[in-house]
PDB file of all heavy atoms in Angstrom:
ATOM      1  N   THR A   1     -63.926  -7.050  -0.685  1.00  0.00           N
ATOM      2  CA  THR A   1     -62.571  -7.418  -1.098  1.00  0.00           C
ATOM      3  C   THR A   1     -61.715  -6.165  -1.244  1.00  0.00           C
ATOM      4  O   THR A   1     -62.228  -5.039  -1.235  1.00  0.00           O
ATOM      5  CB  THR A   1     -62.567  -8.174  -2.441  1.00  0.00           C
ATOM      6  OG1 THR A   1     -62.744  -7.236  -3.529  1.00  0.00           O
ATOM      7  CG2 THR A   1     -63.668  -9.216  -2.494  1.00  0.00           C
ATOM      8  N   ASP A   2     -60.414  -6.385  -1.398  1.00  0.00           N
ATOM      9  CA  ASP A   2     -59.480  -5.278  -1.621  1.00  0.00           C
ATOM     10  C   ASP A   2     -58.947  -5.269  -3.047  1.00  0.00           C
ATOM     11  O   ASP A   2     -57.955  -4.602  -3.345  1.00  0.00           O
ATOM     12  CB  ASP A   2     -58.309  -5.372  -0.628  1.00  0.00           C
ATOM     13  CG  ASP A   2     -58.753  -5.136   0.810  1.00  0.00           C
ATOM     14  OD1 ASP A   2     -59.595  -4.242   1.016  1.00  0.00           O
ATOM     15  OD2 ASP A   2     -58.263  -5.839   1.714  1.00  0.00           O
ATOM     16  N   LEU A   3     -59.585  -6.008  -3.933  1.00  0.00           N
ATOM     17  CA  LEU A   3     -59.191  -5.978  -5.335  1.00  0.00           C
ATOM     18  C   LEU A   3     -59.393  -4.581  -5.907  1.00  0.00           C
ATOM     19  O   LEU A   3     -60.246  -3.815  -5.434  1.00  0.00           O
ATOM     20  CB  LEU A   3     -60.029  -6.978  -6.137  1.00  0.00           C
ATOM     21  CG  LEU A   3     -59.855  -8.468  -5.799  1.00  0.00           C
ATOM     22  CD1 LEU A   3     -60.875  -9.296  -6.576  1.00  0.00           C
ATOM     23  CD2 LEU A   3     -58.449  -8.932  -6.112  1.00  0.00           C
ATOM     24  N   SER A   4     -58.617  -4.241  -6.930  1.00  0.00           N
ATOM     25  CA  SER A   4     -58.779  -2.930  -7.561  1.00  0.00           C
ATOM     26  C   SER A   4     -60.111  -2.875  -8.297  1.00  0.00           C
ATOM     27  O   SER A   4     -60.702  -3.913  -8.635  1.00  0.00           O
ATOM     28  CB  SER A   4     -57.637  -2.675  -8.542  1.00  0.00           C
ATOM     29  OG  SER A   4     -57.768  -3.519  -9.682  1.00  0.00           O
ATOM     30  N   VAL A   5     -60.574  -1.649  -8.560  1.00  0.00           N
ATOM     31  CA  VAL A   5     -61.835  -1.473  -9.284  1.00  0.00           C
ATOM     32  C   VAL A   5     -61.757  -2.139 -10.653  1.00  0.00           C
ATOM     33  O   VAL A   5     -62.708  -2.798 -11.089  1.00  0.00           O
ATOM     34  CB  VAL A   5     -62.174   0.023  -9.420  1.00  0.00           C
ATOM     35  CG1 VAL A   5     -63.373   0.218 -10.347  1.00  0.00           C
ATOM     36  CG2 VAL A   5     -62.457   0.638  -8.060  1.00  0.00           C
ATOM     37  N   GLN A   6     -60.626  -1.992 -11.330  1.00  0.00           N
ATOM     38  CA  GLN A   6     -60.468  -2.611 -12.649  1.00  0.00           C
ATOM     39  C   GLN A   6     -60.547  -4.130 -12.568  1.00  0.00           C
ATOM     40  O   GLN A   6     -61.221  -4.779 -13.390  1.00  0.00           O
ATOM     41  CB  GLN A   6     -59.119  -2.191 -13.254  1.00  0.00           C
ATOM     42  CG  GLN A   6     -58.891  -2.670 -14.680  1.00  0.00           C
ATOM     43  CD  GLN A   6     -59.831  -2.003 -15.681  1.00  0.00           C
ATOM     44  OE1 GLN A   6     -60.280  -0.878 -15.472  1.00  0.00           O
ATOM     45  NE2 GLN A   6     -60.147  -2.705 -16.766  1.00  0.00           N
ATOM     46  N   GLU A   7     -59.889  -4.712 -11.572  1.00  0.00           N
ATOM     47  CA  GLU A   7     -59.931  -6.171 -11.406  1.00  0.00           C
ATOM     48  C   GLU A   7     -61.352  -6.654 -11.134  1.00  0.00           C
ATOM     49  O   GLU A   7     -61.797  -7.673 -11.677  1.00  0.00           O
ATOM     50  CB  GLU A   7     -59.016  -6.586 -10.259  1.00  0.00           C
ATOM     51  CG  GLU A   7     -57.532  -6.500 -10.565  1.00  0.00           C
ATOM     52  CD  GLU A   7     -56.688  -6.826  -9.352  1.00  0.00           C
ATOM     53  OE1 GLU A   7     -56.916  -6.233  -8.276  1.00  0.00           O
ATOM     54  OE2 GLU A   7     -55.789  -7.683  -9.479  1.00  0.00           O
ATOM     55  N   ILE A   8     -62.063  -5.919 -10.286  1.00  0.00           N
ATOM     56  CA  ILE A   8     -63.429  -6.314  -9.937  1.00  0.00           C
ATOM     57  C   ILE A   8     -64.348  -6.205 -11.152  1.00  0.00           C
ATOM     58  O   ILE A   8     -65.185  -7.081 -11.395  1.00  0.00           O
ATOM     59  CB  ILE A   8     -63.957  -5.442  -8.779  1.00  0.00           C
ATOM     60  CG1 ILE A   8     -63.212  -5.791  -7.488  1.00  0.00           C
ATOM     61  CG2 ILE A   8     -65.460  -5.629  -8.591  1.00  0.00           C
ATOM     62  CD1 ILE A   8     -63.540  -4.869  -6.322  1.00  0.00           C
ATOM     63  N   MET A   9     -64.174  -5.144 -11.916  1.00  0.00           N
ATOM     64  CA  MET A   9     -64.995  -4.949 -13.103  1.00  0.00           C
ATOM     65  C   MET A   9     -64.805  -6.112 -14.081  1.00  0.00           C
ATOM     66  O   MET A   9     -65.776  -6.707 -14.562  1.00  0.00           O
ATOM     67  CB  MET A   9     -64.614  -3.630 -13.777  1.00  0.00           C
ATOM     68  CG  MET A   9     -65.447  -3.297 -15.006  1.00  0.00           C
ATOM     69  SD  MET A   9     -64.899  -1.774 -15.828  1.00  0.00           S
ATOM     70  CE  MET A   9     -63.418  -2.380 -16.669  1.00  0.00           C
ATOM     71  N   GLU A  10     -63.550  -6.466 -14.348  1.00  0.00           N
ATOM     72  CA  GLU A  10     -63.265  -7.542 -15.290  1.00  0.00           C
ATOM     73  C   GLU A  10     -63.700  -8.892 -14.731  1.00  0.00           C
ATOM     74  O   GLU A  10     -64.211  -9.740 -15.480  1.00  0.00           O
ATOM     75  CB  GLU A  10     -61.768  -7.552 -15.615  1.00  0.00           C
ATOM     76  CG  GLU A  10     -61.318  -6.306 -16.386  1.00  0.00           C
ATOM     77  CD  GLU A  10     -59.820  -6.256 -16.595  1.00  0.00           C
ATOM     78  OE1 GLU A  10     -59.119  -7.148 -16.061  1.00  0.00           O
ATOM     79  OE2 GLU A  10     -59.349  -5.329 -17.289  1.00  0.00           O
ATOM     80  N   LYS A  11     -63.505  -9.095 -13.437  1.00  0.00           N
ATOM     81  CA  LYS A  11     -63.896 -10.353 -12.791  1.00  0.00           C
ATOM     82  C   LYS A  11     -65.388 -10.622 -12.946  1.00  0.00           C
ATOM     83  O   LYS A  11     -65.824 -11.776 -13.033  1.00  0.00           O
ATOM     84  CB  LYS A  11     -63.527 -10.271 -11.307  1.00  0.00           C
ATOM     85  CG  LYS A  11     -64.050 -11.391 -10.410  1.00  0.00           C
ATOM     86  CD  LYS A  11     -63.544 -11.183  -8.993  1.00  0.00           C
ATOM     87  CE  LYS A  11     -64.128 -12.214  -8.023  1.00  0.00           C
ATOM     88  NZ  LYS A  11     -65.493 -11.886  -7.621  1.00  0.00           N
ATOM     89  N   ASN A  12     -66.188  -9.568 -13.010  1.00  0.00           N
ATOM     90  CA  ASN A  12     -67.646  -9.706 -13.079  1.00  0.00           C
ATOM     91  C   ASN A  12     -68.215  -9.472 -14.473  1.00  0.00           C
ATOM     92  O   ASN A  12     -69.409  -9.230 -14.621  1.00  0.00           O
ATOM     93  CB  ASN A  12     -68.291  -8.757 -12.069  1.00  0.00           C
ATOM     94  CG  ASN A  12     -68.088  -9.229 -10.639  1.00  0.00           C
ATOM     95  OD1 ASN A  12     -68.674 -10.219 -10.228  1.00  0.00           O
ATOM     96  ND2 ASN A  12     -67.240  -8.539  -9.890  1.00  0.00           N
ATOM     97  N   GLY A  13     -67.360  -9.558 -15.487  1.00  0.00           N
ATOM     98  CA  GLY A  13     -67.860  -9.622 -16.852  1.00  0.00           C
ATOM     99  C   GLY A  13     -67.946  -8.314 -17.613  1.00  0.00           C
ATOM    100  O   GLY A  13     -68.417  -8.307 -18.757  1.00  0.00           O
ATOM    101  N   PHE A  14     -67.521  -7.181 -17.025  1.00  0.00           N
ATOM    102  CA  PHE A  14     -67.570  -5.904 -17.741  1.00  0.00           C
ATOM    103  C   PHE A  14     -66.271  -5.684 -18.502  1.00  0.00           C
ATOM    104  O   PHE A  14     -65.179  -5.798 -17.934  1.00  0.00           O
ATOM    105  CB  PHE A  14     -67.775  -4.736 -16.770  1.00  0.00           C
ATOM    106  CG  PHE A  14     -69.217  -4.334 -16.610  1.00  0.00           C
ATOM    107  CD1 PHE A  14     -69.862  -4.503 -15.400  1.00  0.00           C
ATOM    108  CD2 PHE A  14     -69.929  -3.773 -17.662  1.00  0.00           C
ATOM    109  CE1 PHE A  14     -71.186  -4.122 -15.234  1.00  0.00           C
ATOM    110  CE2 PHE A  14     -71.256  -3.393 -17.509  1.00  0.00           C
ATOM    111  CZ  PHE A  14     -71.884  -3.576 -16.300  1.00  0.00           C
ATOM    112  N   THR A  15     -66.382  -5.345 -19.770  1.00  0.00           N
ATOM    113  CA  THR A  15     -65.208  -4.996 -20.575  1.00  0.00           C
ATOM    114  C   THR A  15     -65.228  -3.525 -20.978  1.00  0.00           C
ATOM    115  O   THR A  15     -64.248  -3.022 -21.511  1.00  0.00           O
ATOM    116  CB  THR A  15     -65.155  -5.861 -21.850  1.00  0.00           C
ATOM    117  OG1 THR A  15     -66.378  -5.700 -22.590  1.00  0.00           O
ATOM    118  CG2 THR A  15     -64.988  -7.340 -21.490  1.00  0.00           C
ATOM    119  N   ASN A  16     -66.330  -2.850 -20.725  1.00  0.00           N
ATOM    120  CA  ASN A  16     -66.490  -1.448 -21.088  1.00  0.00           C
ATOM    121  C   ASN A  16     -66.665  -0.632 -19.800  1.00  0.00           C
ATOM    122  O   ASN A  16     -67.710  -0.706 -19.154  1.00  0.00           O
ATOM    123  CB  ASN A  16     -67.704  -1.287 -22.008  1.00  0.00           C
ATOM    124  CG  ASN A  16     -67.893   0.135 -22.506  1.00  0.00           C
ATOM    125  OD1 ASN A  16     -67.730   1.097 -21.761  1.00  0.00           O
ATOM    126  ND2 ASN A  16     -68.249   0.258 -23.780  1.00  0.00           N
ATOM    127  N   GLN A  17     -65.644   0.123 -19.423  1.00  0.00           N
ATOM    128  CA  GLN A  17     -65.691   0.844 -18.152  1.00  0.00           C
ATOM    129  C   GLN A  17     -66.758   1.931 -18.154  1.00  0.00           C
ATOM    130  O   GLN A  17     -67.420   2.150 -17.131  1.00  0.00           O
ATOM    131  CB  GLN A  17     -64.325   1.467 -17.836  1.00  0.00           C
ATOM    132  CG  GLN A  17     -64.281   2.120 -16.464  1.00  0.00           C
ATOM    133  CD  GLN A  17     -62.881   2.492 -16.049  1.00  0.00           C
ATOM    134  OE1 GLN A  17     -61.939   2.312 -16.804  1.00  0.00           O
ATOM    135  NE2 GLN A  17     -62.739   3.018 -14.840  1.00  0.00           N
ATOM    136  N   LYS A  18     -66.951   2.596 -19.266  1.00  0.00           N
ATOM    137  CA  LYS A  18     -67.972   3.645 -19.337  1.00  0.00           C
ATOM    138  C   LYS A  18     -69.361   3.069 -19.097  1.00  0.00           C
ATOM    139  O   LYS A  18     -70.166   3.631 -18.346  1.00  0.00           O
ATOM    140  CB  LYS A  18     -67.900   4.342 -20.698  1.00  0.00           C
ATOM    141  CG  LYS A  18     -68.830   5.544 -20.815  1.00  0.00           C
ATOM    142  CD  LYS A  18     -68.630   6.246 -22.155  1.00  0.00           C
ATOM    143  CE  LYS A  18     -69.557   7.446 -22.275  1.00  0.00           C
ATOM    144  NZ  LYS A  18     -69.379   8.140 -23.589  1.00  0.00           N
ATOM    145  N   LEU A  19     -69.641   1.929 -19.739  1.00  0.00           N
ATOM    146  CA  LEU A  19     -70.937   1.269 -19.552  1.00  0.00           C
ATOM    147  C   LEU A  19     -71.074   0.780 -18.117  1.00  0.00           C
ATOM    148  O   LEU A  19     -72.144   0.889 -17.513  1.00  0.00           O
ATOM    149  CB  LEU A  19     -71.067   0.097 -20.522  1.00  0.00           C
ATOM    150  CG  LEU A  19     -72.327  -0.763 -20.402  1.00  0.00           C
ATOM    151  CD1 LEU A  19     -73.587   0.074 -20.625  1.00  0.00           C
ATOM    152  CD2 LEU A  19     -72.283  -1.932 -21.378  1.00  0.00           C
ATOM    153  N   CYS A  20     -69.994   0.265 -17.568  1.00  0.00           N
ATOM    154  CA  CYS A  20     -70.011  -0.200 -16.180  1.00  0.00           C
ATOM    155  C   CYS A  20     -70.347   0.945 -15.233  1.00  0.00           C
ATOM    156  O   CYS A  20     -71.215   0.816 -14.366  1.00  0.00           O
ATOM    157  CB  CYS A  20     -68.662  -0.808 -15.821  1.00  0.00           C
ATOM    158  SG  CYS A  20     -68.515  -1.305 -14.088  1.00  0.00           S
ATOM    159  N   ASN A  21     -69.664   2.072 -15.399  1.00  0.00           N
ATOM    160  CA  ASN A  21     -69.905   3.220 -14.519  1.00  0.00           C
ATOM    161  C   ASN A  21     -71.335   3.724 -14.640  1.00  0.00           C
ATOM    162  O   ASN A  21     -71.975   4.060 -13.632  1.00  0.00           O
ATOM    163  CB  ASN A  21     -68.930   4.352 -14.857  1.00  0.00           C
ATOM    164  CG  ASN A  21     -67.527   4.068 -14.374  1.00  0.00           C
ATOM    165  OD1 ASN A  21     -67.307   3.215 -13.514  1.00  0.00           O
ATOM    166  ND2 ASN A  21     -66.549   4.774 -14.926  1.00  0.00           N
ATOM    167  N   ARG A  22     -71.853   3.769 -15.858  1.00  0.00           N
ATOM    168  CA  ARG A  22     -73.215   4.262 -16.061  1.00  0.00           C
ATOM    169  C   ARG A  22     -74.234   3.325 -15.413  1.00  0.00           C
ATOM    170  O   ARG A  22     -75.157   3.772 -14.722  1.00  0.00           O
ATOM    171  CB  ARG A  22     -73.504   4.414 -17.552  1.00  0.00           C
ATOM    172  CG  ARG A  22     -74.884   5.012 -17.821  1.00  0.00           C
ATOM    173  CD  ARG A  22     -75.087   5.373 -19.274  1.00  0.00           C
ATOM    174  NE  ARG A  22     -75.237   4.188 -20.109  1.00  0.00           N
ATOM    175  CZ  ARG A  22     -74.424   3.838 -21.092  1.00  0.00           C
ATOM    176  NH1 ARG A  22     -73.363   4.587 -21.368  1.00  0.00           N
ATOM    177  NH2 ARG A  22     -74.632   2.755 -21.811  1.00  0.00           N
ATOM    178  N   THR A  23     -74.068   2.031 -15.629  1.00  0.00           N
ATOM    179  CA  THR A  23     -74.992   1.058 -15.039  1.00  0.00           C
ATOM    180  C   THR A  23     -74.927   1.101 -13.523  1.00  0.00           C
ATOM    181  O   THR A  23     -75.962   1.087 -12.839  1.00  0.00           O
ATOM    182  CB  THR A  23     -74.650  -0.366 -15.522  1.00  0.00           C
ATOM    183  OG1 THR A  23     -74.676  -0.395 -16.954  1.00  0.00           O
ATOM    184  CG2 THR A  23     -75.640  -1.381 -14.977  1.00  0.00           C
ATOM    185  N   PHE A  24     -73.715   1.167 -12.987  1.00  0.00           N
ATOM    186  CA  PHE A  24     -73.519   1.166 -11.539  1.00  0.00           C
ATOM    187  C   PHE A  24     -74.133   2.417 -10.911  1.00  0.00           C
ATOM    188  O   PHE A  24     -74.786   2.353  -9.865  1.00  0.00           O
ATOM    189  CB  PHE A  24     -72.024   1.109 -11.229  1.00  0.00           C
ATOM    190  CG  PHE A  24     -71.711   0.691  -9.819  1.00  0.00           C
ATOM    191  CD1 PHE A  24     -71.581  -0.638  -9.486  1.00  0.00           C
ATOM    192  CD2 PHE A  24     -71.546   1.641  -8.825  1.00  0.00           C
ATOM    193  CE1 PHE A  24     -71.289  -1.031  -8.194  1.00  0.00           C
ATOM    194  CE2 PHE A  24     -71.258   1.267  -7.531  1.00  0.00           C
ATOM    195  CZ  PHE A  24     -71.133  -0.066  -7.207  1.00  0.00           C
ATOM    196  N   LYS A  25     -73.965   3.546 -11.581  1.00  0.00           N
ATOM    197  CA  LYS A  25     -74.501   4.795 -11.042  1.00  0.00           C
ATOM    198  C   LYS A  25     -76.021   4.792 -11.043  1.00  0.00           C
ATOM    199  O   LYS A  25     -76.661   5.349 -10.138  1.00  0.00           O
ATOM    200  CB  LYS A  25     -73.972   5.983 -11.848  1.00  0.00           C
ATOM    201  CG  LYS A  25     -74.182   7.330 -11.165  1.00  0.00           C
ATOM    202  CD  LYS A  25     -73.409   8.429 -11.865  1.00  0.00           C
ATOM    203  CE  LYS A  25     -73.562   9.750 -11.117  1.00  0.00           C
ATOM    204  NZ  LYS A  25     -72.790  10.835 -11.767  1.00  0.00           N
ATOM    205  N   GLU A  26     -76.630   4.165 -12.037  1.00  0.00           N
ATOM    206  CA  GLU A  26     -78.092   4.060 -12.075  1.00  0.00           C
ATOM    207  C   GLU A  26     -78.624   3.294 -10.865  1.00  0.00           C
ATOM    208  O   GLU A  26     -79.696   3.594 -10.345  1.00  0.00           O
ATOM    209  CB  GLU A  26     -78.534   3.356 -13.363  1.00  0.00           C
ATOM    210  CG  GLU A  26     -78.371   4.203 -14.618  1.00  0.00           C
ATOM    211  CD  GLU A  26     -78.662   3.406 -15.884  1.00  0.00           C
ATOM    212  OE1 GLU A  26     -78.865   2.179 -15.771  1.00  0.00           O
ATOM    213  OE2 GLU A  26     -78.672   4.003 -16.979  1.00  0.00           O
ATOM    214  N   LEU A  27     -77.865   2.285 -10.401  1.00  0.00           N
ATOM    215  CA  LEU A  27     -78.298   1.461  -9.283  1.00  0.00           C
ATOM    216  C   LEU A  27     -77.924   2.035  -7.928  1.00  0.00           C
ATOM    217  O   LEU A  27     -78.698   1.955  -6.971  1.00  0.00           O
ATOM    218  CB  LEU A  27     -77.698   0.059  -9.402  1.00  0.00           C
ATOM    219  CG  LEU A  27     -78.236  -0.835 -10.514  1.00  0.00           C
ATOM    220  CD1 LEU A  27     -77.486  -2.150 -10.522  1.00  0.00           C
ATOM    221  CD2 LEU A  27     -79.718  -1.074 -10.350  1.00  0.00           C
ATOM    222  N   TYR A  28     -76.706   2.599  -7.827  1.00  0.00           N
ATOM    223  CA  TYR A  28     -76.167   2.966  -6.517  1.00  0.00           C
ATOM    224  C   TYR A  28     -75.888   4.453  -6.332  1.00  0.00           C
ATOM    225  O   TYR A  28     -75.457   4.862  -5.262  1.00  0.00           O
ATOM    226  CB  TYR A  28     -74.889   2.161  -6.257  1.00  0.00           C
ATOM    227  CG  TYR A  28     -75.142   0.672  -6.228  1.00  0.00           C
ATOM    228  CD1 TYR A  28     -74.789  -0.126  -7.313  1.00  0.00           C
ATOM    229  CD2 TYR A  28     -75.766   0.068  -5.150  1.00  0.00           C
ATOM    230  CE1 TYR A  28     -75.045  -1.496  -7.308  1.00  0.00           C
ATOM    231  CE2 TYR A  28     -76.025  -1.297  -5.131  1.00  0.00           C
ATOM    232  CZ  TYR A  28     -75.663  -2.060  -6.213  1.00  0.00           C
ATOM    233  OH  TYR A  28     -75.916  -3.404  -6.202  1.00  0.00           O
TER     234      TYR A  28
END
């Protein structure tokens, strides 16, 4: 998709960007 990173994060249930980035980096 072309949604913004913030929109995608919120769409998928993340409210904490720091936690999102840390979790995402562990996987990818």
